[in-house]
Structures are given as C-alpha cells and as structure tokens.
Amino acid sequence: MHLIDENQSIEEAPMPTFSDPVADADELREAVRGLAHATRSVDDPTAIYPVLGSISTALASLSQALHQLGDFQDGPTCKRAWVNGDAHVGRAASYRESWELHRAAEMIQQVAECVDRAHEIEATIAYGIHDYPTPSPVQRPSHESGLSL
C-alpha cells in the first residue's frame, strides 16, 4: 500500500477489499499516515468540517473492528490457542487479548464521541471569506448567444 501523490489518479488508489483484514488494515495505516501529513497545515478552514465527519465515521468503524476482533478471540479460537505448548496459557492469553481489544474499542468510542462534539461545534463556526483566496471569476465573451431579456 502507498500514499497517493499529486501525480497519481484516484483510480489507481488502493481500494478496501472488504474481505482481507490484513490488506485493509495496511490500507488504514497508510490512509491515517496520509491524513496526518495532510493536516500539518490546513489552508482552507472550511475543510475541517468534512474532515471531522470522515474521522468520526472512521473511528466508529475502527471501534466496531476492534470489538469484532475481540469477539473472535472470545470464540472457539481461544480453545485452540497455545503458548509454548500449554493450552491453559494459550486460553488465558486469548482472554487477555480479547479484554484489551474490547477495552480499546470502548476507548475509541469515547474518542469518537469527542470528535462528534467537535464536528457539531465546527458546524456553527463561520470563517471570514476575505482571509482566504476566492476563485477567479469566470471569463465570458462580451456577446453571448441566446435570448436577451
């Protein structure tokens, strides 16, 4: 997986598989690295609102994924887990891992709620348009064809 540079089209960007957790986790890592890089300087404050919305959704999905991984460790897999040839130690490790994953998922849910509140607050903020570049006006020919009123 790799970050998209300005010369790469969106069509070449990696897409989630929805079936390969390793590939999708690698893509998540790269996407978050890209976001961290892109937010080092924000030129347009109106971009903050949609970014916060996307982060909020991503955090909810991350919390769900961690709960699902914890559920996997709670299931029949833990009965087949071994640590240094000891099934009891393997089951205990699976239960500890599950606990930590569920705990992390709950913490991320709390973080998501904070981001949601920030997103709601951002919706109330207006920015002065004179501080930011405005699009250049569209050049129109002096004599347009069409109906005149």
N, C-alpha and C. Protein backbone atom coordinates (compact mmCIF):
# COMPACT_ATOMS: atom_id res chain seq x y z
N MET A 1 0.84 -1.17 0.00
CA MET A 1 0.00 0.00 0.00
C MET A 1 0.89 1.24 0.00
N HIS A 2 0.38 2.31 -0.55
CA HIS A 2 1.16 3.53 -0.65
C HIS A 2 0.25 4.74 -0.64
N LEU A 3 0.85 5.88 -0.33
CA LEU A 3 0.11 7.13 -0.35
C LEU A 3 -0.08 7.60 -1.77
N ILE A 4 -1.15 8.31 -2.03
CA ILE A 4 -1.39 8.85 -3.35
C ILE A 4 -0.65 10.17 -3.44
N ASP A 5 0.18 10.31 -4.48
CA ASP A 5 0.82 11.60 -4.68
C ASP A 5 0.00 12.39 -5.69
N GLU A 6 0.37 13.67 -5.88
CA GLU A 6 -0.44 14.52 -6.73
C GLU A 6 -0.43 14.09 -8.19
N ASN A 7 0.51 13.25 -8.61
CA ASN A 7 0.56 12.77 -9.98
C ASN A 7 -0.21 11.48 -10.18
N GLN A 8 -0.74 10.89 -9.14
CA GLN A 8 -1.44 9.61 -9.21
C GLN A 8 -2.94 9.87 -9.28
N SER A 9 -3.61 9.20 -10.17
CA SER A 9 -5.05 9.40 -10.29
C SER A 9 -5.76 8.63 -9.19
N ILE A 10 -6.97 9.06 -8.91
CA ILE A 10 -7.76 8.42 -7.86
C ILE A 10 -8.09 6.98 -8.24
N GLU A 11 -8.15 6.69 -9.54
CA GLU A 11 -8.46 5.34 -9.98
C GLU A 11 -7.36 4.35 -9.61
N GLU A 12 -6.12 4.84 -9.45
CA GLU A 12 -5.01 3.97 -9.10
C GLU A 12 -4.90 3.76 -7.59
N ALA A 13 -5.69 4.49 -6.83
CA ALA A 13 -5.61 4.40 -5.38
C ALA A 13 -6.07 3.02 -4.92
N PRO A 14 -5.43 2.50 -3.88
CA PRO A 14 -5.87 1.21 -3.35
C PRO A 14 -7.29 1.31 -2.82
N MET A 15 -8.03 0.28 -2.98
CA MET A 15 -9.41 0.25 -2.53
C MET A 15 -9.56 -0.81 -1.45
N PRO A 16 -10.47 -0.60 -0.51
CA PRO A 16 -10.69 -1.63 0.50
C PRO A 16 -11.20 -2.92 -0.14
N THR A 17 -10.77 -4.03 0.41
CA THR A 17 -11.20 -5.32 -0.12
C THR A 17 -12.51 -5.77 0.50
N PHE A 18 -12.80 -5.34 1.70
CA PHE A 18 -13.96 -5.76 2.47
C PHE A 18 -13.93 -7.25 2.79
N SER A 19 -12.81 -7.91 2.49
CA SER A 19 -12.72 -9.34 2.78
C SER A 19 -11.33 -9.76 3.26
N ASP A 20 -10.33 -8.90 3.13
CA ASP A 20 -8.96 -9.22 3.53
C ASP A 20 -8.54 -8.27 4.65
N PRO A 21 -8.69 -8.70 5.91
CA PRO A 21 -8.41 -7.78 7.02
C PRO A 21 -6.96 -7.30 7.06
N VAL A 22 -6.02 -8.11 6.62
CA VAL A 22 -4.62 -7.68 6.64
C VAL A 22 -4.40 -6.56 5.63
N ALA A 23 -4.88 -6.74 4.42
CA ALA A 23 -4.73 -5.70 3.39
C ALA A 23 -5.46 -4.42 3.78
N ASP A 24 -6.67 -4.57 4.32
CA ASP A 24 -7.44 -3.39 4.70
C ASP A 24 -6.81 -2.67 5.90
N ALA A 25 -6.23 -3.41 6.83
CA ALA A 25 -5.53 -2.78 7.96
C ALA A 25 -4.29 -2.03 7.47
N ASP A 26 -3.58 -2.60 6.50
CA ASP A 26 -2.43 -1.90 5.92
C ASP A 26 -2.88 -0.61 5.23
N GLU A 27 -4.00 -0.68 4.52
CA GLU A 27 -4.53 0.49 3.85
C GLU A 27 -4.94 1.56 4.87
N LEU A 28 -5.55 1.13 5.97
CA LEU A 28 -5.93 2.06 7.04
C LEU A 28 -4.70 2.78 7.57
N ARG A 29 -3.64 2.02 7.82
CA ARG A 29 -2.40 2.62 8.33
C ARG A 29 -1.90 3.70 7.38
N GLU A 30 -1.87 3.40 6.10
CA GLU A 30 -1.37 4.37 5.12
C GLU A 30 -2.30 5.58 5.00
N ALA A 31 -3.61 5.33 5.06
CA ALA A 31 -4.56 6.45 4.96
C ALA A 31 -4.41 7.38 6.16
N VAL A 32 -4.24 6.83 7.34
CA VAL A 32 -4.09 7.67 8.54
C VAL A 32 -2.76 8.43 8.48
N ARG A 33 -1.72 7.79 7.98
CA ARG A 33 -0.45 8.50 7.79
C ARG A 33 -0.63 9.65 6.82
N GLY A 34 -1.37 9.41 5.74
CA GLY A 34 -1.64 10.46 4.76
C GLY A 34 -2.41 11.61 5.37
N LEU A 35 -3.42 11.29 6.18
CA LEU A 35 -4.20 12.32 6.85
C LEU A 35 -3.33 13.13 7.81
N ALA A 36 -2.49 12.45 8.55
CA ALA A 36 -1.59 13.16 9.48
C ALA A 36 -0.69 14.12 8.71
N HIS A 37 -0.22 13.70 7.57
CA HIS A 37 0.64 14.55 6.74
C HIS A 37 -0.18 15.73 6.19
N ALA A 38 -1.37 15.45 5.67
CA ALA A 38 -2.19 16.48 5.03
C ALA A 38 -2.68 17.53 6.02
N THR A 39 -2.86 17.17 7.27
CA THR A 39 -3.39 18.13 8.26
C THR A 39 -2.30 18.91 8.97
N ARG A 40 -1.04 18.73 8.57
CA ARG A 40 0.02 19.55 9.18
C ARG A 40 -0.22 21.03 8.93
N SER A 41 -0.77 21.35 7.78
CA SER A 41 -1.18 22.72 7.52
C SER A 41 -2.48 22.68 6.72
N VAL A 42 -3.47 23.36 7.25
CA VAL A 42 -4.77 23.41 6.61
C VAL A 42 -4.90 24.81 6.02
N ASP A 43 -5.03 24.88 4.70
CA ASP A 43 -5.14 26.18 4.04
C ASP A 43 -6.56 26.70 4.04
N ASP A 44 -7.53 25.81 4.01
CA ASP A 44 -8.93 26.20 3.93
C ASP A 44 -9.66 25.68 5.17
N PRO A 45 -10.04 26.57 6.09
CA PRO A 45 -10.70 26.11 7.31
C PRO A 45 -12.05 25.45 7.07
N THR A 46 -12.65 25.69 5.92
CA THR A 46 -13.93 25.04 5.64
C THR A 46 -13.74 23.55 5.37
N ALA A 47 -12.51 23.10 5.21
CA ALA A 47 -12.22 21.68 5.02
C ALA A 47 -12.32 20.91 6.34
N ILE A 48 -12.26 21.63 7.45
CA ILE A 48 -12.25 20.96 8.76
C ILE A 48 -13.55 20.20 9.01
N TYR A 49 -14.67 20.78 8.64
CA TYR A 49 -15.96 20.12 8.89
C TYR A 49 -16.06 18.76 8.22
N PRO A 50 -15.81 18.64 6.91
CA PRO A 50 -15.90 17.31 6.30
C PRO A 50 -14.81 16.35 6.79
N VAL A 51 -13.65 16.88 7.13
CA VAL A 51 -12.58 16.01 7.66
C VAL A 51 -13.03 15.42 9.00
N LEU A 52 -13.58 16.25 9.88
CA LEU A 52 -14.06 15.74 11.17
C LEU A 52 -15.17 14.71 10.98
N GLY A 53 -16.05 14.94 10.02
CA GLY A 53 -17.11 13.97 9.74
C GLY A 53 -16.55 12.63 9.31
N SER A 54 -15.54 12.67 8.45
CA SER A 54 -14.92 11.42 7.99
C SER A 54 -14.17 10.73 9.12
N ILE A 55 -13.48 11.50 9.95
CA ILE A 55 -12.76 10.91 11.08
C ILE A 55 -13.75 10.26 12.04
N SER A 56 -14.87 10.91 12.28
CA SER A 56 -15.89 10.36 13.18
C SER A 56 -16.38 9.01 12.67
N THR A 57 -16.69 8.93 11.39
CA THR A 57 -17.15 7.68 10.80
C THR A 57 -16.07 6.61 10.87
N ALA A 58 -14.83 7.01 10.60
CA ALA A 58 -13.72 6.05 10.65
C ALA A 58 -13.52 5.52 12.06
N LEU A 59 -13.65 6.37 13.06
CA LEU A 59 -13.48 5.91 14.44
C LEU A 59 -14.58 4.92 14.83
N ALA A 60 -15.80 5.17 14.38
CA ALA A 60 -16.89 4.24 14.67
C ALA A 60 -16.59 2.87 14.05
N SER A 61 -16.09 2.87 12.82
CA SER A 61 -15.75 1.61 12.16
C SER A 61 -14.57 0.93 12.85
N LEU A 62 -13.60 1.71 13.29
CA LEU A 62 -12.44 1.13 13.99
C LEU A 62 -12.88 0.50 15.31
N SER A 63 -13.76 1.16 16.04
CA SER A 63 -14.28 0.59 17.28
C SER A 63 -14.99 -0.73 16.99
N GLN A 64 -15.81 -0.75 15.95
CA GLN A 64 -16.51 -1.98 15.58
C GLN A 64 -15.52 -3.09 15.23
N ALA A 65 -14.49 -2.76 14.46
CA ALA A 65 -13.50 -3.77 14.06
C ALA A 65 -12.78 -4.35 15.28
N LEU A 66 -12.44 -3.50 16.24
CA LEU A 66 -11.75 -3.99 17.45
C LEU A 66 -12.68 -4.89 18.27
N HIS A 67 -13.94 -4.52 18.38
CA HIS A 67 -14.90 -5.39 19.08
C HIS A 67 -15.00 -6.74 18.37
N GLN A 68 -15.03 -6.73 17.05
CA GLN A 68 -15.14 -7.96 16.28
C GLN A 68 -13.90 -8.84 16.46
N LEU A 69 -12.72 -8.22 16.50
CA LEU A 69 -11.50 -9.00 16.76
C LEU A 69 -11.52 -9.57 18.17
N GLY A 70 -12.02 -8.80 19.13
CA GLY A 70 -12.17 -9.31 20.49
C GLY A 70 -13.15 -10.46 20.55
N ASP A 71 -14.26 -10.34 19.81
CA ASP A 71 -15.24 -11.43 19.76
C ASP A 71 -14.62 -12.69 19.17
N PHE A 72 -13.76 -12.52 18.16
CA PHE A 72 -13.09 -13.67 17.57
C PHE A 72 -12.25 -14.39 18.63
N GLN A 73 -11.53 -13.61 19.44
CA GLN A 73 -10.70 -14.22 20.49
C GLN A 73 -11.56 -14.86 21.58
N ASP A 74 -12.79 -14.38 21.76
CA ASP A 74 -13.70 -14.97 22.75
C ASP A 74 -14.26 -16.30 22.27
N GLY A 75 -14.24 -16.54 20.97
CA GLY A 75 -14.89 -17.70 20.38
C GLY A 75 -14.06 -18.97 20.48
N PRO A 76 -14.35 -19.91 19.63
CA PRO A 76 -13.70 -21.22 19.68
C PRO A 76 -12.20 -21.17 19.44
N THR A 77 -11.71 -20.10 18.86
CA THR A 77 -10.27 -19.98 18.61
C THR A 77 -9.47 -20.07 19.89
N CYS A 78 -9.99 -19.47 20.97
CA CYS A 78 -9.23 -19.45 22.22
C CYS A 78 -9.03 -20.86 22.77
N LYS A 79 -9.92 -21.77 22.44
CA LYS A 79 -9.78 -23.15 22.92
C LYS A 79 -8.64 -23.89 22.20
N ARG A 80 -8.25 -23.37 21.03
CA ARG A 80 -7.17 -23.98 20.27
C ARG A 80 -5.86 -23.22 20.40
N ALA A 81 -5.84 -22.16 21.21
CA ALA A 81 -4.64 -21.35 21.35
C ALA A 81 -3.62 -22.04 22.26
N TRP A 82 -2.37 -21.92 21.88
CA TRP A 82 -1.27 -22.50 22.65
C TRP A 82 -0.19 -21.45 22.84
N VAL A 83 0.42 -21.45 23.98
CA VAL A 83 1.60 -20.63 24.23
C VAL A 83 2.65 -21.57 24.79
N ASN A 84 3.73 -21.71 24.07
CA ASN A 84 4.81 -22.62 24.47
C ASN A 84 4.29 -24.02 24.78
N GLY A 85 3.33 -24.49 23.95
CA GLY A 85 2.81 -25.84 24.12
C GLY A 85 1.80 -26.01 25.23
N ASP A 86 1.41 -24.94 25.89
CA ASP A 86 0.48 -25.02 27.02
C ASP A 86 -0.86 -24.42 26.62
N ALA A 87 -1.90 -25.26 26.57
CA ALA A 87 -3.23 -24.80 26.17
C ALA A 87 -3.84 -23.86 27.20
N HIS A 88 -3.57 -24.08 28.49
CA HIS A 88 -4.13 -23.20 29.53
C HIS A 88 -3.57 -21.79 29.39
N VAL A 89 -2.27 -21.70 29.16
CA VAL A 89 -1.64 -20.38 28.98
C VAL A 89 -2.16 -19.74 27.70
N GLY A 90 -2.38 -20.54 26.65
CA GLY A 90 -2.91 -20.02 25.40
C GLY A 90 -4.31 -19.45 25.56
N ARG A 91 -5.18 -20.18 26.28
CA ARG A 91 -6.54 -19.67 26.52
C ARG A 91 -6.49 -18.40 27.36
N ALA A 92 -5.65 -18.37 28.36
CA ALA A 92 -5.53 -17.18 29.20
C ALA A 92 -5.05 -15.98 28.37
N ALA A 93 -4.12 -16.21 27.46
CA ALA A 93 -3.62 -15.14 26.60
C ALA A 93 -4.73 -14.64 25.67
N SER A 94 -5.53 -15.56 25.14
CA SER A 94 -6.64 -15.17 24.27
C SER A 94 -7.65 -14.32 25.02
N TYR A 95 -7.97 -14.71 26.26
CA TYR A 95 -8.91 -13.92 27.06
C TYR A 95 -8.34 -12.54 27.37
N ARG A 96 -7.04 -12.46 27.68
CA ARG A 96 -6.42 -11.15 27.96
C ARG A 96 -6.42 -10.28 26.70
N GLU A 97 -6.12 -10.89 25.57
CA GLU A 97 -6.14 -10.15 24.31
C GLU A 97 -7.55 -9.63 24.02
N SER A 98 -8.55 -10.48 24.19
CA SER A 98 -9.93 -10.08 23.96
C SER A 98 -10.30 -8.91 24.86
N TRP A 99 -9.93 -9.00 26.12
CA TRP A 99 -10.23 -7.92 27.08
C TRP A 99 -9.62 -6.60 26.59
N GLU A 100 -8.37 -6.63 26.19
CA GLU A 100 -7.69 -5.41 25.73
C GLU A 100 -8.33 -4.86 24.46
N LEU A 101 -8.73 -5.74 23.55
CA LEU A 101 -9.37 -5.28 22.31
C LEU A 101 -10.72 -4.63 22.59
N HIS A 102 -11.52 -5.25 23.43
CA HIS A 102 -12.82 -4.66 23.78
C HIS A 102 -12.62 -3.34 24.53
N ARG A 103 -11.63 -3.31 25.40
CA ARG A 103 -11.34 -2.08 26.14
C ARG A 103 -10.92 -0.96 25.19
N ALA A 104 -10.05 -1.28 24.24
CA ALA A 104 -9.61 -0.29 23.25
C ALA A 104 -10.79 0.20 22.41
N ALA A 105 -11.68 -0.72 22.04
CA ALA A 105 -12.85 -0.35 21.24
C ALA A 105 -13.72 0.65 22.00
N GLU A 106 -13.89 0.41 23.31
CA GLU A 106 -14.69 1.34 24.11
C GLU A 106 -14.00 2.70 24.24
N MET A 107 -12.69 2.70 24.38
CA MET A 107 -11.96 3.98 24.45
C MET A 107 -12.08 4.74 23.14
N ILE A 108 -11.99 4.04 22.03
CA ILE A 108 -12.12 4.70 20.73
C ILE A 108 -13.53 5.24 20.56
N GLN A 109 -14.52 4.53 21.07
CA GLN A 109 -15.89 5.04 21.03
C GLN A 109 -16.00 6.36 21.79
N GLN A 110 -15.31 6.46 22.93
CA GLN A 110 -15.31 7.72 23.68
C GLN A 110 -14.61 8.82 22.89
N VAL A 111 -13.52 8.49 22.22
CA VAL A 111 -12.82 9.46 21.37
C VAL A 111 -13.75 9.90 20.24
N ALA A 112 -14.46 8.95 19.64
CA ALA A 112 -15.39 9.27 18.55
C ALA A 112 -16.46 10.24 19.02
N GLU A 113 -16.94 10.08 20.24
CA GLU A 113 -17.94 10.99 20.78
C GLU A 113 -17.38 12.40 20.92
N CYS A 114 -16.11 12.53 21.32
CA CYS A 114 -15.46 13.84 21.40
C CYS A 114 -15.34 14.47 20.02
N VAL A 115 -14.94 13.67 19.03
CA VAL A 115 -14.83 14.17 17.66
C VAL A 115 -16.20 14.57 17.14
N ASP A 116 -17.23 13.80 17.47
CA ASP A 116 -18.59 14.16 17.07
C ASP A 116 -18.99 15.52 17.63
N ARG A 117 -18.67 15.76 18.90
CA ARG A 117 -18.98 17.06 19.51
C ARG A 117 -18.21 18.18 18.82
N ALA A 118 -16.93 17.94 18.52
CA ALA A 118 -16.13 18.94 17.81
C ALA A 118 -16.73 19.21 16.43
N HIS A 119 -17.19 18.16 15.77
CA HIS A 119 -17.81 18.28 14.45
C HIS A 119 -19.07 19.15 14.54
N GLU A 120 -19.88 18.93 15.57
CA GLU A 120 -21.09 19.73 15.76
C GLU A 120 -20.74 21.19 16.02
N ILE A 121 -19.71 21.43 16.81
CA ILE A 121 -19.29 22.81 17.10
C ILE A 121 -18.75 23.47 15.84
N GLU A 122 -17.97 22.73 15.06
CA GLU A 122 -17.40 23.26 13.82
C GLU A 122 -18.51 23.74 12.89
N ALA A 123 -19.65 23.06 12.91
CA ALA A 123 -20.77 23.44 12.05
C ALA A 123 -21.31 24.82 12.39
N THR A 124 -21.03 25.32 13.59
CA THR A 124 -21.54 26.63 14.00
C THR A 124 -20.56 27.76 13.69
N ILE A 125 -19.37 27.43 13.26
CA ILE A 125 -18.32 28.43 13.05
C ILE A 125 -18.35 28.93 11.61
N ALA A 126 -18.27 30.24 11.45
CA ALA A 126 -18.15 30.84 10.13
C ALA A 126 -16.77 31.47 10.02
N TYR A 127 -16.21 31.42 8.84
CA TYR A 127 -14.89 31.99 8.60
C TYR A 127 -15.03 33.16 7.65
N GLY A 128 -14.25 34.23 7.91
CA GLY A 128 -14.27 35.40 7.03
C GLY A 128 -13.70 35.03 5.67
N ILE A 129 -14.47 35.29 4.62
CA ILE A 129 -14.02 34.88 3.29
C ILE A 129 -12.87 35.74 2.77
N HIS A 130 -12.67 36.94 3.32
CA HIS A 130 -11.59 37.79 2.83
C HIS A 130 -10.21 37.25 3.22
N ASP A 131 -10.15 36.35 4.17
CA ASP A 131 -8.87 35.80 4.62
C ASP A 131 -8.36 34.67 3.72
N TYR A 132 -9.21 34.19 2.83
CA TYR A 132 -8.85 33.03 2.03
C TYR A 132 -9.04 33.34 0.56
N PRO A 133 -8.26 32.71 -0.29
CA PRO A 133 -8.36 33.02 -1.71
C PRO A 133 -9.75 32.70 -2.25
N THR A 134 -10.21 33.56 -3.12
CA THR A 134 -11.50 33.32 -3.76
C THR A 134 -11.25 32.81 -5.17
N PRO A 135 -12.17 32.03 -5.68
CA PRO A 135 -11.98 31.55 -7.04
C PRO A 135 -12.00 32.71 -8.01
N SER A 136 -11.23 32.59 -9.08
CA SER A 136 -11.21 33.66 -10.07
C SER A 136 -12.53 33.67 -10.83
N PRO A 137 -12.99 34.86 -11.22
CA PRO A 137 -14.27 34.93 -11.92
C PRO A 137 -14.19 34.23 -13.27
N VAL A 138 -15.33 33.73 -13.70
CA VAL A 138 -15.40 33.06 -14.99
C VAL A 138 -15.38 34.11 -16.08
N GLN A 139 -14.51 33.95 -17.07
CA GLN A 139 -14.43 34.88 -18.21
C GLN A 139 -15.50 34.50 -19.21
N ARG A 140 -16.36 35.45 -19.55
CA ARG A 140 -17.42 35.21 -20.52
C ARG A 140 -17.20 36.13 -21.72
N PRO A 141 -17.53 35.64 -22.90
CA PRO A 141 -17.42 36.52 -24.07
C PRO A 141 -18.40 37.69 -23.94
N SER A 142 -18.05 38.82 -24.53
CA SER A 142 -18.89 40.01 -24.40
C SER A 142 -20.23 39.86 -25.09
N HIS A 143 -20.31 39.06 -26.11
CA HIS A 143 -21.59 38.85 -26.79
C HIS A 143 -21.96 37.36 -26.71
N GLU A 144 -22.85 37.06 -25.80
CA GLU A 144 -23.30 35.69 -25.63
C GLU A 144 -24.47 35.43 -26.54
N SER A 145 -24.48 34.25 -27.11
CA SER A 145 -25.64 33.88 -27.90
C SER A 145 -26.74 33.42 -26.98
N GLY A 146 -27.94 33.63 -27.33
CA GLY A 146 -29.06 33.22 -26.50
C GLY A 146 -30.10 34.30 -26.45
N LEU A 147 -31.08 34.12 -25.63
CA LEU A 147 -32.16 35.08 -25.51
C LEU A 147 -31.74 36.27 -24.68
N SER A 148 -32.20 37.40 -25.07
CA SER A 148 -31.94 38.62 -24.33
C SER A 148 -33.25 39.07 -23.71
N LEU A 149 -33.21 39.44 -22.47
CA LEU A 149 -34.43 39.90 -21.81
C LEU A 149 -34.42 41.39 -21.68
